[in-house]
Amino acid sequence: MADFTTSTHRAKWIFTPQDLKDKYKAANHRAKQMLEKYGSTRVDVDLDGTLSYPDILTDPKDNGEKHSRSKPLKIDEEQLLRAFYEFKIQDVCDAFKFPRKIQATALIYFKRFYLQWSVMEHHPKDIMLTCIYTACKAEENHVSAEELGKGIDQDHQVILNNEMVVLQSLGFDLIVYSPYRSIDGFIDDMEDFVYSNNGQLQLLKDLHETAKMVADKMMRSEAPLLFSPGQLALAALRRSNEEHQVLDFERYLNNTLSRQHPVRTVSELTAYLNAIDQLVNSLVTPTAADMKHIDRKLKYCRDPGSHEKSKKRKHRSKD
């Protein structure tokens, strides 16, 4: 059976907060340089994964004009846009009634992809769909690109065109670990810990369901890139237990660690759980209205000609 401790997930895809900042900054900087060099940040993708870039601007005047009217997205604007589409991933998965493991896998793929790329280079609406499609294949819940595209009124060819660049950006590391399986395991363990009578068994079921909903929200934060699935699961269960008051959670942590050979103390583990809580508490789900300004900037970065067309339309309406 696959094990997180020996996985590529643990070896290659768990980072420090500074790592994430550096990666987002590097991707944003590269897109800004593209805008200056090409007048556009759009990267087109062929079916075989070949990337096509705009023509280099050779006229300094043209370069200056295009750069002046197409302003790159800031790092925090990119973060808001990613957050918006991560929420959309959950919406689409819910609409198709996909199991939680597909939703979690798609979210992790999406997060990993944008550690390599800026949203200015590859539109998150397109990458979102390809991540869901790839997650379905990886988790052996086969849905055709045509079916997925039709279900949300999108061109399925976009899904297929982006498949190779997504796979390459993931380093073909498709096995991922989400907190849901760990939550199930801890719940089984808790049954013995609380000496389950019938009343406590029902409370434990309530604790279980709430923890999974907490984990759903947690998956939209940066926590899956910073912490192990087991730590995410414990953070979700602790948060759920605050609502249901099923057990003394600190005593449970001490009991659990005493039966193992942990590399962390209870106080260190608690600090991790607190950090995860902070990430969840600070999570913002942007609305479509919030995204209007950012979407406009993104459109002009990827298609500078649309800015001129928009100006002409406004001019004609004034006439």
C-alpha atoms as a PDB file:
ATOM      1  CA  MET A   1       0.000   0.000   0.000  1.00  0.00           C
ATOM      2  CA  ALA A   2       1.226   3.496  -0.808  1.00  0.00           C
ATOM      3  CA  ASP A   3       2.558   5.450   2.164  1.00  0.00           C
ATOM      4  CA  PHE A   4       2.732   9.228   2.558  1.00  0.00           C
ATOM      5  CA  THR A   5       6.067   9.057   4.390  1.00  0.00           C
ATOM      6  CA  THR A   6       7.810   7.581   1.333  1.00  0.00           C
ATOM      7  CA  SER A   7       5.771   9.472  -1.291  1.00  0.00           C
ATOM      8  CA  THR A   8       6.743  12.146  -3.802  1.00  0.00           C
ATOM      9  CA  HIS A   9       4.009  14.228  -2.156  1.00  0.00           C
ATOM     10  CA  ARG A  10       6.072  14.404   1.037  1.00  0.00           C
ATOM     11  CA  ALA A  11       9.461  14.562  -0.692  1.00  0.00           C
ATOM     12  CA  LYS A  12       8.678  17.210  -3.326  1.00  0.00           C
ATOM     13  CA  TRP A  13       5.406  18.991  -2.571  1.00  0.00           C
ATOM     14  CA  ILE A  14       5.502  20.075   1.080  1.00  0.00           C
ATOM     15  CA  PHE A  15       6.983  23.556   1.437  1.00  0.00           C
ATOM     16  CA  THR A  16       7.709  26.314   3.921  1.00  0.00           C
ATOM     17  CA  PRO A  17       5.707  29.576   3.826  1.00  0.00           C
ATOM     18  CA  GLN A  18       8.792  31.334   2.446  1.00  0.00           C
ATOM     19  CA  ASP A  19       9.082  28.731  -0.331  1.00  0.00           C
ATOM     20  CA  LEU A  20       5.538  29.553  -1.438  1.00  0.00           C
ATOM     21  CA  LYS A  21       6.160  33.305  -1.359  1.00  0.00           C
ATOM     22  CA  ASP A  22       9.301  32.862  -3.465  1.00  0.00           C
ATOM     23  CA  LYS A  23       7.524  30.685  -6.038  1.00  0.00           C
ATOM     24  CA  TYR A  24       4.539  33.029  -6.394  1.00  0.00           C
ATOM     25  CA  LYS A  25       6.892  36.011  -6.670  1.00  0.00           C
ATOM     26  CA  ALA A  26       9.023  34.300  -9.337  1.00  0.00           C
ATOM     27  CA  ALA A  27       5.988  33.350 -11.461  1.00  0.00           C
ATOM     28  CA  ASN A  28       4.541  36.854 -11.179  1.00  0.00           C
ATOM     29  CA  HIS A  29       7.889  38.426 -12.092  1.00  0.00           C
ATOM     30  CA  ARG A  30       8.254  36.214 -15.159  1.00  0.00           C
ATOM     31  CA  ALA A  31       4.772  37.196 -16.366  1.00  0.00           C
ATOM     32  CA  LYS A  32       5.622  40.882 -15.898  1.00  0.00           C
ATOM     33  CA  GLN A  33       8.741  40.414 -17.984  1.00  0.00           C
ATOM     34  CA  MET A  34       6.661  38.708 -20.667  1.00  0.00           C
ATOM     35  CA  LEU A  35       4.316  41.665 -20.740  1.00  0.00           C
ATOM     36  CA  GLU A  36       7.227  44.034 -21.280  1.00  0.00           C
ATOM     37  CA  LYS A  37       8.888  41.832 -23.885  1.00  0.00           C
ATOM     38  CA  TYR A  38       5.865  40.576 -25.836  1.00  0.00           C
ATOM     39  CA  GLY A  39       3.096  43.019 -24.934  1.00  0.00           C
ATOM     40  CA  SER A  40       1.064  39.986 -23.797  1.00  0.00           C
ATOM     41  CA  THR A  41       1.347  37.296 -21.134  1.00  0.00           C
ATOM     42  CA  ARG A  42      -0.741  34.654 -22.873  1.00  0.00           C
ATOM     43  CA  VAL A  43       0.885  31.250 -23.376  1.00  0.00           C
ATOM     44  CA  ASP A  44      -0.967  29.072 -25.895  1.00  0.00           C
ATOM     45  CA  VAL A  45      -0.785  25.305 -25.554  1.00  0.00           C
ATOM     46  CA  ASP A  46      -0.978  22.713 -28.317  1.00  0.00           C
ATOM     47  CA  LEU A  47      -2.361  19.224 -27.788  1.00  0.00           C
ATOM     48  CA  ASP A  48       1.145  17.739 -27.447  1.00  0.00           C
ATOM     49  CA  GLY A  49       2.025  20.242 -24.714  1.00  0.00           C
ATOM     50  CA  THR A  50       4.036  22.555 -26.981  1.00  0.00           C
ATOM     51  CA  LEU A  51       3.936  26.137 -25.716  1.00  0.00           C
ATOM     52  CA  SER A  52       3.557  29.118 -28.053  1.00  0.00           C
ATOM     53  CA  TYR A  53       4.502  32.643 -27.020  1.00  0.00           C
ATOM     54  CA  PRO A  54       3.561  35.975 -28.645  1.00  0.00           C
ATOM     55  CA  ASP A  55       5.939  37.662 -31.073  1.00  0.00           C
ATOM     56  CA  ILE A  56       8.607  39.825 -29.495  1.00  0.00           C
ATOM     57  CA  LEU A  57       7.904  43.535 -29.706  1.00  0.00           C
ATOM     58  CA  THR A  58      10.641  45.130 -31.792  1.00  0.00           C
ATOM     59  CA  ASP A  59       9.348  48.713 -31.978  1.00  0.00           C
ATOM     60  CA  PRO A  60      10.179  50.533 -28.715  1.00  0.00           C
ATOM     61  CA  LYS A  61       7.209  52.860 -29.247  1.00  0.00           C
ATOM     62  CA  ASP A  62       4.860  49.906 -29.663  1.00  0.00           C
ATOM     63  CA  ASN A  63       6.385  48.298 -26.596  1.00  0.00           C
ATOM     64  CA  GLY A  64       5.839  51.419 -24.513  1.00  0.00           C
ATOM     65  CA  GLU A  65       2.238  51.885 -25.649  1.00  0.00           C
ATOM     66  CA  LYS A  66       1.226  48.281 -24.986  1.00  0.00           C
ATOM     67  CA  HIS A  67       2.929  48.168 -21.619  1.00  0.00           C
ATOM     68  CA  SER A  68       1.299  51.432 -20.529  1.00  0.00           C
ATOM     69  CA  ARG A  69      -2.217  50.190 -21.142  1.00  0.00           C
ATOM     70  CA  SER A  70      -1.783  46.576 -19.954  1.00  0.00           C
ATOM     71  CA  LYS A  71      -0.987  46.503 -16.257  1.00  0.00           C
ATOM     72  CA  PRO A  72       0.175  43.203 -14.774  1.00  0.00           C
ATOM     73  CA  LEU A  73      -1.651  41.608 -11.883  1.00  0.00           C
ATOM     74  CA  LYS A  74      -0.141  42.030  -8.441  1.00  0.00           C
ATOM     75  CA  ILE A  75       0.763  38.958  -6.410  1.00  0.00           C
ATOM     76  CA  ASP A  76      -2.214  39.430  -4.068  1.00  0.00           C
ATOM     77  CA  GLU A  77      -4.548  39.781  -7.072  1.00  0.00           C
ATOM     78  CA  GLU A  78      -3.237  36.488  -8.439  1.00  0.00           C
ATOM     79  CA  GLN A  79      -3.913  34.921  -5.041  1.00  0.00           C
ATOM     80  CA  LEU A  80      -7.517  36.155  -5.063  1.00  0.00           C
ATOM     81  CA  LEU A  81      -8.065  34.798  -8.552  1.00  0.00           C
ATOM     82  CA  ARG A  82      -6.668  31.400  -7.607  1.00  0.00           C
ATOM     83  CA  ALA A  83      -8.888  31.359  -4.510  1.00  0.00           C
ATOM     84  CA  PHE A  84     -11.946  32.140  -6.652  1.00  0.00           C
ATOM     85  CA  TYR A  85     -11.277  29.238  -8.993  1.00  0.00           C
ATOM     86  CA  GLU A  86     -10.450  26.851  -6.153  1.00  0.00           C
ATOM     87  CA  PHE A  87     -13.957  27.512  -4.868  1.00  0.00           C
ATOM     88  CA  LYS A  88     -15.209  26.865  -8.414  1.00  0.00           C
ATOM     89  CA  ILE A  89     -13.418  23.505  -8.451  1.00  0.00           C
ATOM     90  CA  GLN A  90     -15.474  22.467  -5.439  1.00  0.00           C
ATOM     91  CA  ASP A  91     -18.647  23.774  -7.116  1.00  0.00           C
ATOM     92  CA  VAL A  92     -18.012  21.745 -10.275  1.00  0.00           C
ATOM     93  CA  CYS A  93     -17.154  18.600  -8.311  1.00  0.00           C
ATOM     94  CA  ASP A  94     -20.329  18.996  -6.266  1.00  0.00           C
ATOM     95  CA  ALA A  95     -22.388  19.473  -9.434  1.00  0.00           C
ATOM     96  CA  PHE A  96     -21.014  16.206 -10.837  1.00  0.00           C
ATOM     97  CA  LYS A  97     -21.363  14.526  -7.426  1.00  0.00           C
ATOM     98  CA  PHE A  98     -17.705  13.518  -7.482  1.00  0.00           C
ATOM     99  CA  PRO A  99     -16.344  11.989  -4.244  1.00  0.00           C
ATOM    100  CA  ARG A 100     -14.256  14.170  -1.957  1.00  0.00           C
ATOM    101  CA  LYS A 101     -10.998  12.486  -2.990  1.00  0.00           C
ATOM    102  CA  ILE A 102     -11.424  13.785  -6.567  1.00  0.00           C
ATOM    103  CA  GLN A 103     -12.195  17.276  -5.353  1.00  0.00           C
ATOM    104  CA  ALA A 104      -9.127  17.224  -3.085  1.00  0.00           C
ATOM    105  CA  THR A 105      -6.867  15.812  -5.807  1.00  0.00           C
ATOM    106  CA  ALA A 106      -8.028  18.443  -8.316  1.00  0.00           C
ATOM    107  CA  LEU A 107      -7.379  21.220  -5.791  1.00  0.00           C
ATOM    108  CA  ILE A 108      -3.883  19.955  -5.043  1.00  0.00           C
ATOM    109  CA  TYR A 109      -3.090  19.679  -8.767  1.00  0.00           C
ATOM    110  CA  PHE A 110      -4.359  23.249  -9.266  1.00  0.00           C
ATOM    111  CA  LYS A 111      -2.249  24.564  -6.378  1.00  0.00           C
ATOM    112  CA  ARG A 112       0.860  22.775  -7.615  1.00  0.00           C
ATOM    113  CA  PHE A 113       0.383  24.041 -11.166  1.00  0.00           C
ATOM    114  CA  TYR A 114       0.341  27.661 -10.030  1.00  0.00           C
ATOM    115  CA  LEU A 115       3.557  27.212  -8.105  1.00  0.00           C
ATOM    116  CA  GLN A 116       5.125  26.971 -11.561  1.00  0.00           C
ATOM    117  CA  TRP A 117       2.999  29.445 -13.524  1.00  0.00           C
ATOM    118  CA  SER A 118       1.269  32.792 -13.204  1.00  0.00           C
ATOM    119  CA  VAL A 119      -2.463  33.097 -13.829  1.00  0.00           C
ATOM    120  CA  MET A 120      -1.455  35.689 -16.442  1.00  0.00           C
ATOM    121  CA  GLU A 121       0.208  32.939 -18.482  1.00  0.00           C
ATOM    122  CA  HIS A 122      -2.454  30.235 -18.189  1.00  0.00           C
ATOM    123  CA  HIS A 123      -6.047  31.210 -17.414  1.00  0.00           C
ATOM    124  CA  PRO A 124      -7.236  29.449 -14.234  1.00  0.00           C
ATOM    125  CA  LYS A 125     -10.671  28.788 -15.740  1.00  0.00           C
ATOM    126  CA  ASP A 126      -9.020  26.462 -18.280  1.00  0.00           C
ATOM    127  CA  ILE A 127      -6.525  24.901 -15.861  1.00  0.00           C
ATOM    128  CA  MET A 128      -9.292  24.285 -13.315  1.00  0.00           C
ATOM    129  CA  LEU A 129     -11.156  22.035 -15.758  1.00  0.00           C
ATOM    130  CA  THR A 130      -8.042  20.128 -16.785  1.00  0.00           C
ATOM    131  CA  CYS A 131      -7.133  19.534 -13.126  1.00  0.00           C
ATOM    132  CA  ILE A 132     -10.600  18.095 -12.456  1.00  0.00           C
ATOM    133  CA  TYR A 133     -10.360  15.909 -15.568  1.00  0.00           C
ATOM    134  CA  THR A 134      -6.878  14.684 -14.600  1.00  0.00           C
ATOM    135  CA  ALA A 135      -7.987  14.021 -11.025  1.00  0.00           C
ATOM    136  CA  CYS A 136     -10.858  11.877 -12.289  1.00  0.00           C
ATOM    137  CA  LYS A 137      -8.407   9.792 -14.319  1.00  0.00           C
ATOM    138  CA  ALA A 138      -5.908   9.487 -11.479  1.00  0.00           C
ATOM    139  CA  GLU A 139      -8.614   8.417  -9.031  1.00  0.00           C
ATOM    140  CA  GLU A 140     -10.120   5.991 -11.576  1.00  0.00           C
ATOM    141  CA  ASN A 141     -13.452   7.783 -11.788  1.00  0.00           C
ATOM    142  CA  HIS A 142     -13.505   8.108 -15.542  1.00  0.00           C
ATOM    143  CA  VAL A 143     -15.367  11.047 -17.036  1.00  0.00           C
ATOM    144  CA  SER A 144     -14.722  12.060 -20.638  1.00  0.00           C
ATOM    145  CA  ALA A 145     -13.536  15.557 -21.476  1.00  0.00           C
ATOM    146  CA  GLU A 146     -16.655  15.920 -23.634  1.00  0.00           C
ATOM    147  CA  GLU A 147     -18.938  15.034 -20.716  1.00  0.00           C
ATOM    148  CA  LEU A 148     -17.129  17.368 -18.344  1.00  0.00           C
ATOM    149  CA  GLY A 149     -17.112  20.257 -20.819  1.00  0.00           C
ATOM    150  CA  LYS A 150     -20.762  19.775 -21.739  1.00  0.00           C
ATOM    151  CA  GLY A 151     -21.796  19.640 -18.089  1.00  0.00           C
ATOM    152  CA  ILE A 152     -20.500  23.156 -17.438  1.00  0.00           C
ATOM    153  CA  ASP A 153     -20.898  24.569 -20.958  1.00  0.00           C
ATOM    154  CA  GLN A 154     -17.186  24.753 -21.784  1.00  0.00           C
ATOM    155  CA  ASP A 155     -15.201  23.641 -24.832  1.00  0.00           C
ATOM    156  CA  HIS A 156     -13.816  20.186 -24.036  1.00  0.00           C
ATOM    157  CA  GLN A 157     -10.889  20.769 -26.428  1.00  0.00           C
ATOM    158  CA  VAL A 158      -9.472  23.311 -23.969  1.00  0.00           C
ATOM    159  CA  ILE A 159      -9.398  20.563 -21.332  1.00  0.00           C
ATOM    160  CA  LEU A 160      -7.462  18.240 -23.632  1.00  0.00           C
ATOM    161  CA  ASN A 161      -5.109  20.924 -24.921  1.00  0.00           C
ATOM    162  CA  ASN A 162      -3.957  21.742 -21.385  1.00  0.00           C
ATOM    163  CA  GLU A 163      -3.592  18.158 -20.199  1.00  0.00           C
ATOM    164  CA  MET A 164       0.073  17.730 -21.127  1.00  0.00           C
ATOM    165  CA  VAL A 165       1.226  21.080 -19.701  1.00  0.00           C
ATOM    166  CA  VAL A 166      -0.594  20.276 -16.459  1.00  0.00           C
ATOM    167  CA  LEU A 167       1.020  16.828 -16.259  1.00  0.00           C
ATOM    168  CA  GLN A 168       4.452  18.297 -17.000  1.00  0.00           C
ATOM    169  CA  SER A 169       3.988  21.028 -14.389  1.00  0.00           C
ATOM    170  CA  LEU A 170       3.056  18.373 -11.817  1.00  0.00           C
ATOM    171  CA  GLY A 171       6.216  16.467 -12.692  1.00  0.00           C
ATOM    172  CA  PHE A 172       3.848  13.570 -13.435  1.00  0.00           C
ATOM    173  CA  ASP A 173       3.450  13.134  -9.657  1.00  0.00           C
ATOM    174  CA  LEU A 174      -0.224  12.204  -9.710  1.00  0.00           C
ATOM    175  CA  ILE A 175      -0.572  10.294  -6.434  1.00  0.00           C
ATOM    176  CA  VAL A 176      -1.605  12.772  -3.760  1.00  0.00           C
ATOM    177  CA  TYR A 177      -2.726  12.402  -0.159  1.00  0.00           C
ATOM    178  CA  SER A 178      -5.658  14.339   1.270  1.00  0.00           C
ATOM    179  CA  PRO A 179      -6.798  14.487   4.918  1.00  0.00           C
ATOM    180  CA  TYR A 180     -10.061  12.561   4.499  1.00  0.00           C
ATOM    181  CA  ARG A 181      -8.597   9.081   4.815  1.00  0.00           C
ATOM    182  CA  SER A 182      -6.665  10.168   7.903  1.00  0.00           C
ATOM    183  CA  ILE A 183      -9.853  11.632   9.374  1.00  0.00           C
ATOM    184  CA  ASP A 184     -11.544   8.238   8.913  1.00  0.00           C
ATOM    185  CA  GLY A 185      -8.638   6.510  10.637  1.00  0.00           C
ATOM    186  CA  PHE A 186      -8.617   8.874  13.610  1.00  0.00           C
ATOM    187  CA  ILE A 187     -12.381   8.483  14.023  1.00  0.00           C
ATOM    188  CA  ASP A 188     -11.983   4.693  14.197  1.00  0.00           C
ATOM    189  CA  ASP A 189      -9.288   5.199  16.834  1.00  0.00           C
ATOM    190  CA  MET A 190     -11.476   7.591  18.808  1.00  0.00           C
ATOM    191  CA  GLU A 191     -14.207   4.966  19.121  1.00  0.00           C
ATOM    192  CA  ASP A 192     -11.957   3.029  21.467  1.00  0.00           C
ATOM    193  CA  PHE A 193     -10.739   6.171  23.221  1.00  0.00           C
ATOM    194  CA  VAL A 194     -14.232   7.382  24.212  1.00  0.00           C
ATOM    195  CA  TYR A 195     -15.404   3.867  25.237  1.00  0.00           C
ATOM    196  CA  SER A 196     -18.204   4.221  22.744  1.00  0.00           C
ATOM    197  CA  ASN A 197     -21.661   3.975  24.184  1.00  0.00           C
ATOM    198  CA  ASN A 198     -24.593   4.609  21.856  1.00  0.00           C
ATOM    199  CA  GLY A 199     -24.864   8.323  22.649  1.00  0.00           C
ATOM    200  CA  GLN A 200     -21.167   8.916  22.093  1.00  0.00           C
ATOM    201  CA  LEU A 201     -21.229   6.934  18.866  1.00  0.00           C
ATOM    202  CA  GLN A 202     -23.769   9.375  17.430  1.00  0.00           C
ATOM    203  CA  LEU A 203     -21.716  12.313  18.640  1.00  0.00           C
ATOM    204  CA  LEU A 204     -18.683  10.750  16.990  1.00  0.00           C
ATOM    205  CA  LYS A 205     -20.590  10.502  13.701  1.00  0.00           C
ATOM    206  CA  ASP A 206     -21.461  14.202  13.978  1.00  0.00           C
ATOM    207  CA  LEU A 207     -17.826  14.986  14.763  1.00  0.00           C
ATOM    208  CA  HIS A 208     -16.799  12.996  11.686  1.00  0.00           C
ATOM    209  CA  GLU A 209     -19.150  14.802   9.292  1.00  0.00           C
ATOM    210  CA  THR A 210     -18.224  18.259  10.579  1.00  0.00           C
ATOM    211  CA  ALA A 211     -14.516  17.442  10.350  1.00  0.00           C
ATOM    212  CA  LYS A 212     -14.900  16.534   6.672  1.00  0.00           C
ATOM    213  CA  MET A 213     -16.640  19.856   6.013  1.00  0.00           C
ATOM    214  CA  VAL A 214     -13.842  21.667   7.850  1.00  0.00           C
ATOM    215  CA  ALA A 215     -11.332  19.785   5.684  1.00  0.00           C
ATOM    216  CA  ASP A 216     -13.213  20.920   2.545  1.00  0.00           C
ATOM    217  CA  LYS A 217     -12.536  24.520   3.541  1.00  0.00           C
ATOM    218  CA  MET A 218      -8.999  23.708   4.622  1.00  0.00           C
ATOM    219  CA  MET A 219      -8.221  22.348   1.154  1.00  0.00           C
ATOM    220  CA  ARG A 220      -8.783  25.843  -0.300  1.00  0.00           C
ATOM    221  CA  SER A 221      -6.126  27.349   1.955  1.00  0.00           C
ATOM    222  CA  GLU A 222      -2.360  26.985   1.555  1.00  0.00           C
ATOM    223  CA  ALA A 223      -2.331  24.325   4.293  1.00  0.00           C
ATOM    224  CA  PRO A 224      -2.144  21.325   1.878  1.00  0.00           C
ATOM    225  CA  LEU A 225       1.143  22.732   0.538  1.00  0.00           C
ATOM    226  CA  LEU A 226       2.587  23.210   4.028  1.00  0.00           C
ATOM    227  CA  PHE A 227       1.397  20.327   6.205  1.00  0.00           C
ATOM    228  CA  SER A 228       0.959  16.561   6.043  1.00  0.00           C
ATOM    229  CA  PRO A 229      -2.496  14.982   5.562  1.00  0.00           C
ATOM    230  CA  GLY A 230      -2.370  13.641   9.119  1.00  0.00           C
ATOM    231  CA  GLN A 231      -1.769  17.101  10.552  1.00  0.00           C
ATOM    232  CA  LEU A 232      -4.586  18.522   8.402  1.00  0.00           C
ATOM    233  CA  ALA A 233      -6.887  15.736   9.641  1.00  0.00           C
ATOM    234  CA  LEU A 234      -6.095  16.404  13.300  1.00  0.00           C
ATOM    235  CA  ALA A 235      -6.648  20.135  12.805  1.00  0.00           C
ATOM    236  CA  ALA A 236     -10.044  19.451  11.210  1.00  0.00           C
ATOM    237  CA  LEU A 237     -11.031  17.050  14.004  1.00  0.00           C
ATOM    238  CA  ARG A 238      -9.917  19.448  16.722  1.00  0.00           C
ATOM    239  CA  ARG A 239     -11.939  22.251  15.143  1.00  0.00           C
ATOM    240  CA  SER A 240     -14.961  19.955  14.842  1.00  0.00           C
ATOM    241  CA  ASN A 241     -14.546  18.823  18.450  1.00  0.00           C
ATOM    242  CA  GLU A 242     -14.736  22.443  19.604  1.00  0.00           C
ATOM    243  CA  GLU A 243     -18.294  22.397  18.276  1.00  0.00           C
ATOM    244  CA  HIS A 244     -19.378  18.921  19.395  1.00  0.00           C
ATOM    245  CA  GLN A 245     -17.330  18.488  22.611  1.00  0.00           C
ATOM    246  CA  VAL A 246     -17.011  14.718  22.180  1.00  0.00           C
ATOM    247  CA  LEU A 247     -13.651  14.240  23.923  1.00  0.00           C
ATOM    248  CA  ASP A 248     -10.743  15.930  25.649  1.00  0.00           C
ATOM    249  CA  PHE A 249      -8.688  16.560  22.510  1.00  0.00           C
ATOM    250  CA  GLU A 250      -5.398  17.370  24.227  1.00  0.00           C
ATOM    251  CA  ARG A 251      -5.628  14.158  26.229  1.00  0.00           C
ATOM    252  CA  TYR A 252      -6.392  12.290  23.006  1.00  0.00           C
ATOM    253  CA  LEU A 253      -3.264  13.745  21.357  1.00  0.00           C
ATOM    254  CA  ASN A 254      -1.135  12.728  24.341  1.00  0.00           C
ATOM    255  CA  ASN A 255      -2.647   9.244  24.286  1.00  0.00           C
ATOM    256  CA  THR A 256      -2.093   8.871  20.549  1.00  0.00           C
ATOM    257  CA  LEU A 257       1.533  10.005  20.637  1.00  0.00           C
ATOM    258  CA  SER A 258       2.306   7.813  23.660  1.00  0.00           C
ATOM    259  CA  ARG A 259       1.413   4.746  21.563  1.00  0.00           C
ATOM    260  CA  GLN A 260       3.822   5.703  18.796  1.00  0.00           C
ATOM    261  CA  HIS A 261       7.404   6.854  18.372  1.00  0.00           C
ATOM    262  CA  PRO A 262       6.680  10.441  17.356  1.00  0.00           C
ATOM    263  CA  VAL A 263       9.238  12.842  15.953  1.00  0.00           C
ATOM    264  CA  ARG A 264       7.166  15.734  17.340  1.00  0.00           C
ATOM    265  CA  THR A 265       6.066  16.555  20.884  1.00  0.00           C
ATOM    266  CA  VAL A 266       2.448  17.370  21.690  1.00  0.00           C
ATOM    267  CA  SER A 267       3.338  21.061  22.024  1.00  0.00           C
ATOM    268  CA  GLU A 268       5.008  21.060  18.594  1.00  0.00           C
ATOM    269  CA  LEU A 269       2.044  19.275  17.042  1.00  0.00           C
ATOM    270  CA  THR A 270      -0.345  21.723  18.695  1.00  0.00           C
ATOM    271  CA  ALA A 271       1.639  24.617  17.204  1.00  0.00           C
ATOM    272  CA  TYR A 272       1.138  23.078  13.737  1.00  0.00           C
ATOM    273  CA  LEU A 273      -2.592  22.684  14.336  1.00  0.00           C
ATOM    274  CA  ASN A 274      -2.790  26.314  15.457  1.00  0.00           C
ATOM    275  CA  ALA A 275      -0.994  27.426  12.288  1.00  0.00           C
ATOM    276  CA  ILE A 276      -3.475  25.454  10.152  1.00  0.00           C
ATOM    277  CA  ASP A 277      -6.354  27.067  12.040  1.00  0.00           C
ATOM    278  CA  GLN A 278      -4.929  30.508  11.282  1.00  0.00           C
ATOM    279  CA  LEU A 279      -4.757  29.710   7.565  1.00  0.00           C
ATOM    280  CA  VAL A 280      -8.386  28.572   7.575  1.00  0.00           C
ATOM    281  CA  ASN A 281      -9.517  31.613   9.580  1.00  0.00           C
ATOM    282  CA  SER A 282      -7.822  33.980   7.141  1.00  0.00           C
ATOM    283  CA  LEU A 283      -9.285  32.259   4.074  1.00  0.00           C
ATOM    284  CA  VAL A 284     -11.320  34.597   1.881  1.00  0.00           C
ATOM    285  CA  THR A 285     -13.689  33.386  -0.830  1.00  0.00           C
ATOM    286  CA  PRO A 286     -13.876  36.177  -3.425  1.00  0.00           C
ATOM    287  CA  THR A 287     -17.217  36.804  -5.091  1.00  0.00           C
ATOM    288  CA  ALA A 288     -17.774  37.328  -8.805  1.00  0.00           C
ATOM    289  CA  ALA A 289     -18.145  41.061  -8.082  1.00  0.00           C
ATOM    290  CA  ASP A 290     -14.756  41.095  -6.342  1.00  0.00           C
ATOM    291  CA  MET A 291     -13.237  39.506  -9.407  1.00  0.00           C
ATOM    292  CA  LYS A 292     -14.557  41.999 -11.955  1.00  0.00           C
ATOM    293  CA  HIS A 293     -11.594  44.376 -11.759  1.00  0.00           C
ATOM    294  CA  ILE A 294      -9.025  41.555 -11.639  1.00  0.00           C
ATOM    295  CA  ASP A 295     -10.677  39.771 -14.577  1.00  0.00           C
ATOM    296  CA  ARG A 296     -10.469  42.962 -16.639  1.00  0.00           C
ATOM    297  CA  LYS A 297      -6.756  43.366 -15.873  1.00  0.00           C
ATOM    298  CA  LEU A 298      -6.152  39.715 -16.708  1.00  0.00           C
ATOM    299  CA  LYS A 299      -7.974  40.044 -20.009  1.00  0.00           C
ATOM    300  CA  TYR A 300      -5.857  43.031 -21.045  1.00  0.00           C
ATOM    301  CA  CYS A 301      -2.643  41.224 -20.054  1.00  0.00           C
ATOM    302  CA  ARG A 302      -3.515  38.161 -22.100  1.00  0.00           C
ATOM    303  CA  ASP A 303      -5.155  40.008 -25.010  1.00  0.00           C
ATOM    304  CA  PRO A 304      -3.967  43.646 -25.143  1.00  0.00           C
ATOM    305  CA  GLY A 305      -6.028  44.234 -28.309  1.00  0.00           C
ATOM    306  CA  SER A 306      -9.212  43.843 -26.274  1.00  0.00           C
ATOM    307  CA  HIS A 307      -8.334  47.036 -24.417  1.00  0.00           C
ATOM    308  CA  GLU A 308      -8.377  49.056 -27.634  1.00  0.00           C
ATOM    309  CA  LYS A 309     -11.653  47.451 -28.698  1.00  0.00           C
ATOM    310  CA  SER A 310     -13.181  48.306 -25.328  1.00  0.00           C
ATOM    311  CA  LYS A 311     -12.076  51.934 -25.654  1.00  0.00           C
ATOM    312  CA  LYS A 312     -13.617  52.154 -29.115  1.00  0.00           C
ATOM    313  CA  ARG A 313     -16.919  50.726 -27.869  1.00  0.00           C
ATOM    314  CA  LYS A 314     -17.021  53.253 -25.046  1.00  0.00           C
ATOM    315  CA  HIS A 315     -16.201  56.061 -27.492  1.00  0.00           C
ATOM    316  CA  ARG A 316     -19.025  54.997 -29.819  1.00  0.00           C
ATOM    317  CA  SER A 317     -21.496  54.820 -26.940  1.00  0.00           C
ATOM    318  CA  LYS A 318     -20.646  58.422 -25.968  1.00  0.00           C
ATOM    319  CA  ASP A 319     -21.243  59.530 -29.550  1.00  0.00           C
END
